Structures are given as structure tokens and as C-alpha cells.
Amino acid sequence: MKIGWVLNLSEAVRGYAEVREMALRVEADGLDSIWIPDHLLYRSSPGETRGIWEAWTFLSSLAEATTRVELGPLVACTQFRNPAILAKMAITLDEVSQGRLTLGVGAGWNEPEFQAFGLPSDHLVGRFEEALRIIKPLLQEGSVDFQGTYYQARECEIKPRGRRLGGPPLLIAGWGPRMLRLVARYADSWNTAYTQPSFEEPYERLLAACAEEGRDPSTLKMTHEILLDFPDLRDTPIPSNILNILRGSTEEIAKALLQYEQRSIEHIMVQCTPSNAVSLSRFLAAVKMYRSLPRS
């Protein structure tokens, strides 16, 4: 099972130099991937705004700073950028990173950031489906001719094609019925996150969606994001929408990672709270122990 680190770009992180230092440590200590959330701001109530750095600028810089780890947004909101331009950005970044990008995408959910930046927030899944009908063929074939209700890309081509002729793989995050059908139809890999009470329940619904779409589920990679909490390191509460939280000693965390592996999850993405050098050290120690555990 591959293990990735989710870099928190909120204003609690001082800047790119700190992010770069953690990314280089993640790579040097043998993790498989680095993921960056794609948000514009967080606002729980008026006047209480928590900021975040722009994801693609940091991803591009990390593509140059690192040499081995896979990279990707977890996940890019297709509403934030024109989908044809997003596909071109992905192919370009895949070239810069020498074929290490996974394009993670989602429909978006955080209403305040749509309002603050003047972005429409209606019909999010319908807009997302149209975005996929543009992005997928542009990644795979380099061209598309599409006219929809929300987007158009007429006689659109992406040249040059970049390092991988099939383009970077497409990861889709989502667990509602319509989103799971889109996963079965378009995704190379699927991601579910710690806002779900478990991995198993949405996975069963995904299998049903694959059956409806005629998709062999074995051709779809299963990935999962978890929140790893170190209560003694943080002084702020965890949001109430987070349901599936991992806590414990180094040994307990290592055994939990093994359990995810035994569920046939192929790639686990771990976001620590707080996201800092101390929590990273603890997590790396757990990963080292996990990799040494016996397999039956």
C-alpha cells in the first residue's frame, strides 16, 4: 500500500519555505506521495475567515523541488478553474514533474469560498459532470469538442501532449449516488475521506455503481484519506463534520495502517492535525513500524 502525506496549506503554515522543507523530508523518509488541498478560504461564520495558500502554485513549485514522490491536489475543485484550462495545467505539470502527477478532482462543497470569489455554487454535480466530459478526453486523447449547459470546449486541443500520452491519471473524490456513477464512468482511482464514518459503506455503493456502468471494479484503484490526530500538539478543536479520526501510539497507528492495507486500499493519504514537523516525525515513525510488521 502506498502512503502519502497531505500538506496543510492553511495560514497556520508560515509559507512555502516550511512546506518545501516538510516535502523534502517526506521524500527523503520514503513516503510515496504528497497531496495538497485545493481551497480558497474557510469561513465558519461571518468575520471568522481562515486563509489558505493557492494549491497549484505550490504544487508546481514542489514538482521542481522533489524528484521521486507522486504529487496531486486532493482534490481540485473543477468550479475554480475552466475545465479545459485545468486539463492543460495538469498535462503541463505532469511534464514538469516528469510524470508524477495525479489529477484529483471534485465538485466542491464549501459555500463561503464560492460566494467570496464570485463562483456559481448551483448544480455542483451537474457542472462537475460536464467538466469531466471535457477533462477526461483532453487528458487521454488531447482533444474534445463539447457544448454543454455550463461549459463548452469547441474543437479544443492540448499541445504539446506532455510526458505521458494517456495523460496523468484521474482521481475522483465523492460518495453520493450521482458522484459514484461518475467515478465508475470516468475515474482511474477513487478517494473517500474522513468525513465518512467508514470506508466500507461507500465502497459497497461504489460496487453497485460500477455494476450499473458496466465497469470492472478491479480496474479502479481504491484510495482513502484519513485524519491522524495528535491532541497533545493542538490547541484548537477538530471540526464537527470529521467522523473518522485515527489516534494512538506509534504501534497503534502502524497496526491501523496495516488494517487499511488488508482492506485492499491501494493508497492511503494521511493528514495530520496539527500539520507540523513534530506530527510529521511521529507519523514517519509509525510508517516505518508499519512497513516492518509481519504479513500473514
C-alpha atoms as a PDB file:
ATOM      1  CA  MET A   1       0.000   0.000   0.000  1.00  0.00           C
ATOM      2  CA  LYS A   2       1.288   3.441  -0.930  1.00  0.00           C
ATOM      3  CA  ILE A   3       1.298   6.071   1.793  1.00  0.00           C
ATOM      4  CA  GLY A   4       1.014   9.789   1.160  1.00  0.00           C
ATOM      5  CA  TRP A   5       1.208  12.951   3.260  1.00  0.00           C
ATOM      6  CA  VAL A   6      -1.421  15.689   2.928  1.00  0.00           C
ATOM      7  CA  LEU A   7       0.258  19.070   3.307  1.00  0.00           C
ATOM      8  CA  ASN A   8      -1.938  21.601   5.061  1.00  0.00           C
ATOM      9  CA  LEU A   9      -1.621  24.983   3.334  1.00  0.00           C
ATOM     10  CA  SER A  10      -3.690  26.954   5.827  1.00  0.00           C
ATOM     11  CA  GLU A  11      -2.330  30.149   7.300  1.00  0.00           C
ATOM     12  CA  ALA A  12      -1.072  28.172  10.287  1.00  0.00           C
ATOM     13  CA  VAL A  13       1.720  27.113   7.920  1.00  0.00           C
ATOM     14  CA  ARG A  14       4.102  30.035   7.700  1.00  0.00           C
ATOM     15  CA  GLY A  15       4.855  29.841   3.994  1.00  0.00           C
ATOM     16  CA  TYR A  16       6.383  27.944   1.105  1.00  0.00           C
ATOM     17  CA  ALA A  17       9.795  27.504   2.739  1.00  0.00           C
ATOM     18  CA  GLU A  18       8.200  25.496   5.565  1.00  0.00           C
ATOM     19  CA  VAL A  19       6.086  23.448   3.148  1.00  0.00           C
ATOM     20  CA  ARG A  20       9.125  22.736   0.966  1.00  0.00           C
ATOM     21  CA  GLU A  21      11.166  21.586   3.953  1.00  0.00           C
ATOM     22  CA  MET A  22       8.441  19.153   5.044  1.00  0.00           C
ATOM     23  CA  ALA A  23       8.006  17.903   1.478  1.00  0.00           C
ATOM     24  CA  LEU A  24      11.708  17.157   1.138  1.00  0.00           C
ATOM     25  CA  ARG A  25      11.633  15.275   4.432  1.00  0.00           C
ATOM     26  CA  VAL A  26       8.610  13.257   3.294  1.00  0.00           C
ATOM     27  CA  GLU A  27      10.502  12.273   0.159  1.00  0.00           C
ATOM     28  CA  ALA A  28      13.766  11.504   1.960  1.00  0.00           C
ATOM     29  CA  ASP A  29      11.979   9.302   4.510  1.00  0.00           C
ATOM     30  CA  GLY A  30      10.386   7.128   1.864  1.00  0.00           C
ATOM     31  CA  LEU A  31       6.739   8.162   1.675  1.00  0.00           C
ATOM     32  CA  ASP A  32       5.126   7.664  -1.706  1.00  0.00           C
ATOM     33  CA  SER A  33       3.187  10.849  -2.358  1.00  0.00           C
ATOM     34  CA  ILE A  34       2.397  14.430  -1.378  1.00  0.00           C
ATOM     35  CA  TRP A  35      -1.100  15.880  -1.667  1.00  0.00           C
ATOM     36  CA  ILE A  36      -2.340  19.454  -1.369  1.00  0.00           C
ATOM     37  CA  PRO A  37      -5.924  20.579  -0.598  1.00  0.00           C
ATOM     38  CA  ASP A  38      -7.477  22.971  -3.122  1.00  0.00           C
ATOM     39  CA  HIS A  39      -9.428  25.663  -1.286  1.00  0.00           C
ATOM     40  CA  LEU A  40      -9.670  29.447  -1.426  1.00  0.00           C
ATOM     41  CA  LEU A  41     -10.711  30.161   2.171  1.00  0.00           C
ATOM     42  CA  TYR A  42     -12.529  28.657   5.125  1.00  0.00           C
ATOM     43  CA  ARG A  43     -15.247  30.626   6.897  1.00  0.00           C
ATOM     44  CA  SER A  44     -17.347  29.098   9.636  1.00  0.00           C
ATOM     45  CA  SER A  45     -19.241  32.350  10.266  1.00  0.00           C
ATOM     46  CA  PRO A  46     -19.054  35.990   9.080  1.00  0.00           C
ATOM     47  CA  GLY A  47     -15.866  37.655  10.210  1.00  0.00           C
ATOM     48  CA  GLU A  48     -14.132  34.361  11.007  1.00  0.00           C
ATOM     49  CA  THR A  49     -12.009  33.630   7.959  1.00  0.00           C
ATOM     50  CA  ARG A  50      -9.166  31.139   7.891  1.00  0.00           C
ATOM     51  CA  GLY A  51      -6.896  31.511   4.899  1.00  0.00           C
ATOM     52  CA  ILE A  52      -5.071  29.010   2.722  1.00  0.00           C
ATOM     53  CA  TRP A  53      -2.405  29.250   0.034  1.00  0.00           C
ATOM     54  CA  GLU A  54      -3.336  28.612  -3.622  1.00  0.00           C
ATOM     55  CA  ALA A  55      -2.765  24.929  -4.358  1.00  0.00           C
ATOM     56  CA  TRP A  56      -1.488  24.833  -7.950  1.00  0.00           C
ATOM     57  CA  THR A  57       1.251  27.394  -7.366  1.00  0.00           C
ATOM     58  CA  PHE A  58       2.620  25.286  -4.503  1.00  0.00           C
ATOM     59  CA  LEU A  59       2.204  22.035  -6.476  1.00  0.00           C
ATOM     60  CA  SER A  60       4.203  23.473  -9.363  1.00  0.00           C
ATOM     61  CA  SER A  61       6.996  24.535  -7.038  1.00  0.00           C
ATOM     62  CA  LEU A  62       7.065  21.149  -5.295  1.00  0.00           C
ATOM     63  CA  ALA A  63       7.274  19.427  -8.679  1.00  0.00           C
ATOM     64  CA  GLU A  64      10.629  21.141  -9.142  1.00  0.00           C
ATOM     65  CA  ALA A  65      11.791  20.753  -5.525  1.00  0.00           C
ATOM     66  CA  THR A  66      11.168  16.986  -5.344  1.00  0.00           C
ATOM     67  CA  THR A  67      12.330  14.189  -7.627  1.00  0.00           C
ATOM     68  CA  ARG A  68      10.553  10.958  -6.657  1.00  0.00           C
ATOM     69  CA  VAL A  69       7.253  11.360  -4.793  1.00  0.00           C
ATOM     70  CA  GLU A  70       3.942  11.409  -6.607  1.00  0.00           C
ATOM     71  CA  LEU A  71       2.053  14.701  -6.424  1.00  0.00           C
ATOM     72  CA  GLY A  72      -1.542  15.794  -6.696  1.00  0.00           C
ATOM     73  CA  PRO A  73      -4.353  18.020  -5.476  1.00  0.00           C
ATOM     74  CA  LEU A  74      -6.697  16.341  -3.001  1.00  0.00           C
ATOM     75  CA  VAL A  75      -8.782  17.431  -4.681  1.00  0.00           C
ATOM     76  CA  ALA A  76      -9.013  20.224  -7.244  1.00  0.00           C
ATOM     77  CA  CYS A  77     -12.452  21.808  -7.344  1.00  0.00           C
ATOM     78  CA  THR A  78     -13.475  21.924 -11.013  1.00  0.00           C
ATOM     79  CA  GLN A  79     -15.531  25.047 -10.319  1.00  0.00           C
ATOM     80  CA  PHE A  80     -12.425  27.075  -9.501  1.00  0.00           C
ATOM     81  CA  ARG A  81     -10.933  26.844 -12.993  1.00  0.00           C
ATOM     82  CA  ASN A  82     -12.238  26.351 -16.510  1.00  0.00           C
ATOM     83  CA  PRO A  83     -12.101  22.554 -17.034  1.00  0.00           C
ATOM     84  CA  ALA A  84     -10.232  22.707 -20.341  1.00  0.00           C
ATOM     85  CA  ILE A  85      -7.629  25.006 -18.787  1.00  0.00           C
ATOM     86  CA  LEU A  86      -7.425  22.706 -15.755  1.00  0.00           C
ATOM     87  CA  ALA A  87      -6.655  19.780 -18.069  1.00  0.00           C
ATOM     88  CA  LYS A  88      -3.917  21.809 -19.770  1.00  0.00           C
ATOM     89  CA  MET A  89      -2.491  22.780 -16.375  1.00  0.00           C
ATOM     90  CA  ALA A  90      -2.431  19.102 -15.374  1.00  0.00           C
ATOM     91  CA  ILE A  91      -0.677  17.945 -18.526  1.00  0.00           C
ATOM     92  CA  THR A  92       1.867  20.746 -18.182  1.00  0.00           C
ATOM     93  CA  LEU A  93       2.532  19.950 -14.519  1.00  0.00           C
ATOM     94  CA  ASP A  94       2.850  16.261 -15.378  1.00  0.00           C
ATOM     95  CA  GLU A  95       5.646  17.264 -17.752  1.00  0.00           C
ATOM     96  CA  VAL A  96       7.344  19.452 -15.129  1.00  0.00           C
ATOM     97  CA  SER A  97       7.158  16.647 -12.547  1.00  0.00           C
ATOM     98  CA  GLN A  98       8.355  14.027 -15.062  1.00  0.00           C
ATOM     99  CA  GLY A  99       5.171  12.001 -14.911  1.00  0.00           C
ATOM    100  CA  ARG A 100       4.435  12.165 -11.167  1.00  0.00           C
ATOM    101  CA  LEU A 101       1.066  13.963 -11.141  1.00  0.00           C
ATOM    102  CA  THR A 102      -2.342  12.502 -10.337  1.00  0.00           C
ATOM    103  CA  LEU A 103      -5.174  14.892 -11.132  1.00  0.00           C
ATOM    104  CA  GLY A 104      -7.544  14.648  -8.196  1.00  0.00           C
ATOM    105  CA  VAL A 105     -10.876  16.404  -8.801  1.00  0.00           C
ATOM    106  CA  GLY A 106     -14.139  17.004  -7.001  1.00  0.00           C
ATOM    107  CA  ALA A 107     -17.320  19.054  -7.296  1.00  0.00           C
ATOM    108  CA  GLY A 108     -16.659  21.364  -4.336  1.00  0.00           C
ATOM    109  CA  TRP A 109     -18.761  21.888  -1.226  1.00  0.00           C
ATOM    110  CA  ASN A 110     -17.576  24.914   0.765  1.00  0.00           C
ATOM    111  CA  GLU A 111     -20.252  27.525   0.068  1.00  0.00           C
ATOM    112  CA  PRO A 112     -18.431  30.577   1.554  1.00  0.00           C
ATOM    113  CA  GLU A 113     -15.487  30.292  -0.837  1.00  0.00           C
ATOM    114  CA  PHE A 114     -17.814  30.202  -3.848  1.00  0.00           C
ATOM    115  CA  GLN A 115     -19.566  33.346  -2.612  1.00  0.00           C
ATOM    116  CA  ALA A 116     -16.360  35.193  -1.716  1.00  0.00           C
ATOM    117  CA  PHE A 117     -14.726  34.584  -5.093  1.00  0.00           C
ATOM    118  CA  GLY A 118     -17.838  35.092  -7.214  1.00  0.00           C
ATOM    119  CA  LEU A 119     -18.204  31.476  -8.345  1.00  0.00           C
ATOM    120  CA  PRO A 120     -21.575  29.804  -9.021  1.00  0.00           C
ATOM    121  CA  SER A 121     -22.465  27.137  -6.484  1.00  0.00           C
ATOM    122  CA  ASP A 122     -25.682  25.800  -8.003  1.00  0.00           C
ATOM    123  CA  HIS A 123     -25.956  22.399  -9.705  1.00  0.00           C
ATOM    124  CA  LEU A 124     -22.494  21.380  -8.492  1.00  0.00           C
ATOM    125  CA  VAL A 125     -22.729  17.756  -9.604  1.00  0.00           C
ATOM    126  CA  GLY A 126     -24.196  18.718 -12.983  1.00  0.00           C
ATOM    127  CA  ARG A 127     -21.352  21.194 -13.525  1.00  0.00           C
ATOM    128  CA  PHE A 128     -18.864  18.567 -12.363  1.00  0.00           C
ATOM    129  CA  GLU A 129     -20.177  16.004 -14.854  1.00  0.00           C
ATOM    130  CA  GLU A 130     -19.768  18.458 -17.725  1.00  0.00           C
ATOM    131  CA  ALA A 131     -16.252  19.294 -16.509  1.00  0.00           C
ATOM    132  CA  LEU A 132     -15.366  15.579 -16.604  1.00  0.00           C
ATOM    133  CA  ARG A 133     -16.703  15.290 -20.147  1.00  0.00           C
ATOM    134  CA  ILE A 134     -14.113  17.890 -21.099  1.00  0.00           C
ATOM    135  CA  ILE A 135     -11.221  16.894 -18.843  1.00  0.00           C
ATOM    136  CA  LYS A 136     -11.184  13.134 -19.457  1.00  0.00           C
ATOM    137  CA  PRO A 137     -10.824  13.194 -23.260  1.00  0.00           C
ATOM    138  CA  LEU A 138      -8.334  16.054 -23.100  1.00  0.00           C
ATOM    139  CA  LEU A 139      -6.145  14.038 -20.719  1.00  0.00           C
ATOM    140  CA  GLN A 140      -6.453  10.806 -22.686  1.00  0.00           C
ATOM    141  CA  GLU A 141      -6.581  11.975 -26.285  1.00  0.00           C
ATOM    142  CA  GLY A 142      -5.607  15.641 -26.270  1.00  0.00           C
ATOM    143  CA  SER A 143      -8.789  16.893 -27.922  1.00  0.00           C
ATOM    144  CA  VAL A 144     -12.501  17.403 -27.291  1.00  0.00           C
ATOM    145  CA  ASP A 145     -15.458  19.131 -28.908  1.00  0.00           C
ATOM    146  CA  PHE A 146     -18.132  19.742 -26.299  1.00  0.00           C
ATOM    147  CA  GLN A 147     -21.064  22.093 -25.835  1.00  0.00           C
ATOM    148  CA  GLY A 148     -22.940  21.821 -22.565  1.00  0.00           C
ATOM    149  CA  THR A 149     -25.222  23.815 -20.320  1.00  0.00           C
ATOM    150  CA  TYR A 150     -22.418  25.152 -18.135  1.00  0.00           C
ATOM    151  CA  TYR A 151     -19.205  24.660 -20.126  1.00  0.00           C
ATOM    152  CA  GLN A 152     -18.060  24.496 -23.685  1.00  0.00           C
ATOM    153  CA  ALA A 153     -14.800  23.463 -25.328  1.00  0.00           C
ATOM    154  CA  ARG A 154     -15.228  23.626 -29.081  1.00  0.00           C
ATOM    155  CA  GLU A 155     -12.521  21.945 -31.178  1.00  0.00           C
ATOM    156  CA  CYS A 156     -10.234  22.177 -28.166  1.00  0.00           C
ATOM    157  CA  GLU A 157      -6.778  20.621 -28.362  1.00  0.00           C
ATOM    158  CA  ILE A 158      -3.896  20.356 -25.913  1.00  0.00           C
ATOM    159  CA  LYS A 159      -0.461  20.524 -27.499  1.00  0.00           C
ATOM    160  CA  PRO A 160       2.207  19.507 -26.668  1.00  0.00           C
ATOM    161  CA  ARG A 161       0.896  16.326 -25.099  1.00  0.00           C
ATOM    162  CA  GLY A 162       3.437  16.062 -22.307  1.00  0.00           C
ATOM    163  CA  ARG A 163       5.337  13.130 -20.879  1.00  0.00           C
ATOM    164  CA  ARG A 164       2.526  10.542 -20.774  1.00  0.00           C
ATOM    165  CA  LEU A 165       0.475  10.145 -23.934  1.00  0.00           C
ATOM    166  CA  GLY A 166      -2.524   8.995 -21.902  1.00  0.00           C
ATOM    167  CA  GLY A 167      -2.128  11.969 -19.600  1.00  0.00           C
ATOM    168  CA  PRO A 168      -1.952  11.909 -15.805  1.00  0.00           C
ATOM    169  CA  PRO A 169      -4.395   9.541 -14.075  1.00  0.00           C
ATOM    170  CA  LEU A 170      -7.717  10.972 -12.924  1.00  0.00           C
ATOM    171  CA  LEU A 171      -8.744  10.567  -9.279  1.00  0.00           C
ATOM    172  CA  ILE A 172     -12.290  11.480  -8.273  1.00  0.00           C
ATOM    173  CA  ALA A 173     -13.420  12.105  -4.702  1.00  0.00           C
ATOM    174  CA  GLY A 174     -17.084  11.643  -3.866  1.00  0.00           C
ATOM    175  CA  TRP A 175     -19.579   9.278  -2.292  1.00  0.00           C
ATOM    176  CA  GLY A 176     -23.092  10.409  -3.208  1.00  0.00           C
ATOM    177  CA  PRO A 177     -25.064   8.268  -5.694  1.00  0.00           C
ATOM    178  CA  ARG A 178     -24.512  10.569  -8.704  1.00  0.00           C
ATOM    179  CA  MET A 179     -20.862  11.123  -7.855  1.00  0.00           C
ATOM    180  CA  LEU A 180     -20.224   7.391  -7.567  1.00  0.00           C
ATOM    181  CA  ARG A 181     -21.686   6.827 -11.019  1.00  0.00           C
ATOM    182  CA  LEU A 182     -19.258   9.446 -12.346  1.00  0.00           C
ATOM    183  CA  VAL A 183     -16.416   7.702 -10.533  1.00  0.00           C
ATOM    184  CA  ALA A 184     -17.372   4.417 -12.195  1.00  0.00           C
ATOM    185  CA  ARG A 185     -17.614   6.117 -15.588  1.00  0.00           C
ATOM    186  CA  TYR A 186     -14.533   8.345 -15.640  1.00  0.00           C
ATOM    187  CA  ALA A 187     -12.060   7.727 -12.807  1.00  0.00           C
ATOM    188  CA  ASP A 188      -8.781   5.849 -12.739  1.00  0.00           C
ATOM    189  CA  SER A 189      -8.903   5.926  -8.937  1.00  0.00           C
ATOM    190  CA  TRP A 190     -11.469   6.771  -6.283  1.00  0.00           C
ATOM    191  CA  ASN A 191     -10.980   8.566  -2.995  1.00  0.00           C
ATOM    192  CA  THR A 192     -13.145   8.685   0.073  1.00  0.00           C
ATOM    193  CA  ALA A 193     -12.268  10.731   3.122  1.00  0.00           C
ATOM    194  CA  TYR A 194     -12.509  11.061   6.863  1.00  0.00           C
ATOM    195  CA  THR A 195     -15.861  12.833   6.694  1.00  0.00           C
ATOM    196  CA  GLN A 196     -17.351   9.362   6.142  1.00  0.00           C
ATOM    197  CA  PRO A 197     -17.889   7.106   9.179  1.00  0.00           C
ATOM    198  CA  SER A 198     -16.127   4.209   7.431  1.00  0.00           C
ATOM    199  CA  PHE A 199     -14.629   3.153   4.122  1.00  0.00           C
ATOM    200  CA  GLU A 200     -16.769   0.055   3.713  1.00  0.00           C
ATOM    201  CA  GLU A 201     -20.244   1.608   3.358  1.00  0.00           C
ATOM    202  CA  PRO A 202     -19.448   3.952   0.437  1.00  0.00           C
ATOM    203  CA  TYR A 203     -17.345   1.163  -1.096  1.00  0.00           C
ATOM    204  CA  GLU A 204     -20.397  -1.088  -1.295  1.00  0.00           C
ATOM    205  CA  ARG A 205     -22.295   1.694  -3.047  1.00  0.00           C
ATOM    206  CA  LEU A 206     -19.379   2.150  -5.442  1.00  0.00           C
ATOM    207  CA  LEU A 207     -19.542  -1.523  -6.398  1.00  0.00           C
ATOM    208  CA  ALA A 208     -23.233  -1.064  -7.217  1.00  0.00           C
ATOM    209  CA  ALA A 209     -22.415   1.998  -9.341  1.00  0.00           C
ATOM    210  CA  CYS A 210     -19.738   0.032 -11.204  1.00  0.00           C
ATOM    211  CA  ALA A 211     -22.286  -2.676 -11.953  1.00  0.00           C
ATOM    212  CA  GLU A 212     -24.714  -0.065 -13.326  1.00  0.00           C
ATOM    213  CA  GLU A 213     -21.998   1.464 -15.522  1.00  0.00           C
ATOM    214  CA  GLY A 214     -20.565  -1.860 -16.683  1.00  0.00           C
ATOM    215  CA  ARG A 215     -17.208  -1.065 -15.040  1.00  0.00           C
ATOM    216  CA  ASP A 216     -14.969  -3.789 -13.696  1.00  0.00           C
ATOM    217  CA  PRO A 217     -14.179  -2.505 -10.177  1.00  0.00           C
ATOM    218  CA  SER A 218     -10.775  -4.209 -10.295  1.00  0.00           C
ATOM    219  CA  THR A 219      -9.744  -1.571 -12.869  1.00  0.00           C
ATOM    220  CA  LEU A 220     -10.433   1.207 -10.354  1.00  0.00           C
ATOM    221  CA  LYS A 221      -7.815   1.961  -7.698  1.00  0.00           C
ATOM    222  CA  MET A 222      -9.133   2.430  -4.168  1.00  0.00           C
ATOM    223  CA  THR A 223      -7.671   5.286  -2.132  1.00  0.00           C
ATOM    224  CA  HIS A 224      -8.648   6.763   1.212  1.00  0.00           C
ATOM    225  CA  GLU A 225      -7.769   9.896   3.163  1.00  0.00           C
ATOM    226  CA  ILE A 226      -7.569   9.689   6.940  1.00  0.00           C
ATOM    227  CA  LEU A 227      -7.101  12.300   9.645  1.00  0.00           C
ATOM    228  CA  LEU A 228      -4.382  11.476  12.152  1.00  0.00           C
ATOM    229  CA  ASP A 229      -4.896  13.458  15.343  1.00  0.00           C
ATOM    230  CA  PHE A 230      -2.300  14.300  17.983  1.00  0.00           C
ATOM    231  CA  PRO A 231      -4.398  16.040  20.686  1.00  0.00           C
ATOM    232  CA  ASP A 232      -1.375  16.980  22.792  1.00  0.00           C
ATOM    233  CA  LEU A 233       0.038  19.056  19.908  1.00  0.00           C
ATOM    234  CA  ARG A 234      -3.036  21.105  19.038  1.00  0.00           C
ATOM    235  CA  ASP A 235      -4.936  23.856  20.836  1.00  0.00           C
ATOM    236  CA  THR A 236      -7.959  24.148  18.518  1.00  0.00           C
ATOM    237  CA  PRO A 237     -10.950  21.783  18.255  1.00  0.00           C
ATOM    238  CA  ILE A 238     -11.497  19.434  15.330  1.00  0.00           C
ATOM    239  CA  PRO A 239     -14.480  20.391  13.096  1.00  0.00           C
ATOM    240  CA  SER A 240     -17.681  18.516  13.878  1.00  0.00           C
ATOM    241  CA  ASN A 241     -18.033  17.107  10.332  1.00  0.00           C
ATOM    242  CA  ILE A 242     -14.969  14.886  10.788  1.00  0.00           C
ATOM    243  CA  LEU A 243     -16.177  11.424  11.730  1.00  0.00           C
ATOM    244  CA  ASN A 244     -13.304   9.013  11.178  1.00  0.00           C
ATOM    245  CA  ILE A 245     -10.233  10.017  13.194  1.00  0.00           C
ATOM    246  CA  LEU A 246      -7.117   7.966  13.884  1.00  0.00           C
ATOM    247  CA  ARG A 247      -5.362   8.457  17.225  1.00  0.00           C
ATOM    248  CA  GLY A 248      -2.944   6.416  19.285  1.00  0.00           C
ATOM    249  CA  SER A 249       0.619   5.358  19.923  1.00  0.00           C
ATOM    250  CA  THR A 250       3.176   4.666  17.218  1.00  0.00           C
ATOM    251  CA  GLU A 251       2.345   0.961  17.387  1.00  0.00           C
ATOM    252  CA  GLU A 252      -1.414   1.567  17.250  1.00  0.00           C
ATOM    253  CA  ILE A 253      -1.072   3.833  14.224  1.00  0.00           C
ATOM    254  CA  ALA A 254       1.147   1.263  12.478  1.00  0.00           C
ATOM    255  CA  LYS A 255      -1.388  -1.507  13.086  1.00  0.00           C
ATOM    256  CA  ALA A 256      -4.214   0.723  11.838  1.00  0.00           C
ATOM    257  CA  LEU A 257      -2.301   1.316   8.596  1.00  0.00           C
ATOM    258  CA  LEU A 258      -1.923  -2.432   8.191  1.00  0.00           C
ATOM    259  CA  GLN A 259      -5.673  -2.845   8.604  1.00  0.00           C
ATOM    260  CA  TYR A 260      -6.253  -0.408   5.753  1.00  0.00           C
ATOM    261  CA  GLU A 261      -3.860  -2.424   3.617  1.00  0.00           C
ATOM    262  CA  GLN A 262      -5.799  -5.584   4.427  1.00  0.00           C
ATOM    263  CA  ARG A 263      -8.975  -3.889   3.156  1.00  0.00           C
ATOM    264  CA  SER A 264      -7.337  -3.740  -0.293  1.00  0.00           C
ATOM    265  CA  ILE A 265      -6.868   0.022  -0.165  1.00  0.00           C
ATOM    266  CA  GLU A 266      -4.031   0.750  -2.569  1.00  0.00           C
ATOM    267  CA  HIS A 267      -3.102   4.274  -1.498  1.00  0.00           C
ATOM    268  CA  ILE A 268      -3.701   5.963   1.855  1.00  0.00           C
ATOM    269  CA  MET A 269      -3.380   9.737   2.245  1.00  0.00           C
ATOM    270  CA  VAL A 270      -2.776  10.954   5.784  1.00  0.00           C
ATOM    271  CA  GLN A 271      -3.481  14.461   7.028  1.00  0.00           C
ATOM    272  CA  CYS A 272      -2.151  15.192  10.496  1.00  0.00           C
ATOM    273  CA  THR A 273      -3.603  17.669  12.902  1.00  0.00           C
ATOM    274  CA  PRO A 274      -1.765  19.780  13.616  1.00  0.00           C
ATOM    275  CA  SER A 275       0.254  19.743  10.405  1.00  0.00           C
ATOM    276  CA  ASN A 276       3.797  20.481  11.546  1.00  0.00           C
ATOM    277  CA  ALA A 277       7.256  18.978  11.826  1.00  0.00           C
ATOM    278  CA  VAL A 278       6.538  17.270  15.169  1.00  0.00           C
ATOM    279  CA  SER A 279       3.407  15.467  13.942  1.00  0.00           C
ATOM    280  CA  LEU A 280       5.255  14.505  10.761  1.00  0.00           C
ATOM    281  CA  SER A 281       8.041  12.923  12.833  1.00  0.00           C
ATOM    282  CA  ARG A 282       5.517  10.851  14.777  1.00  0.00           C
ATOM    283  CA  PHE A 283       3.773   9.762  11.614  1.00  0.00           C
ATOM    284  CA  LEU A 284       7.033   8.779   9.893  1.00  0.00           C
ATOM    285  CA  ALA A 285       7.935   6.633  12.892  1.00  0.00           C
ATOM    286  CA  ALA A 286       4.577   4.860  12.604  1.00  0.00           C
ATOM    287  CA  VAL A 287       5.056   4.284   8.864  1.00  0.00           C
ATOM    288  CA  LYS A 288       8.487   2.764   9.500  1.00  0.00           C
ATOM    289  CA  MET A 289       6.971   0.384  12.046  1.00  0.00           C
ATOM    290  CA  TYR A 290       4.033  -0.439   9.731  1.00  0.00           C
ATOM    291  CA  ARG A 291       6.396  -1.472   6.962  1.00  0.00           C
ATOM    292  CA  SER A 292       8.196  -3.843   9.311  1.00  0.00           C
ATOM    293  CA  LEU A 293       5.039  -5.585  10.568  1.00  0.00           C
ATOM    294  CA  PRO A 294       4.643  -9.246   9.544  1.00  0.00           C
ATOM    295  CA  ARG A 295       2.092 -10.080   6.857  1.00  0.00           C
ATOM    296  CA  SER A 296       0.113 -13.281   7.130  1.00  0.00           C
END
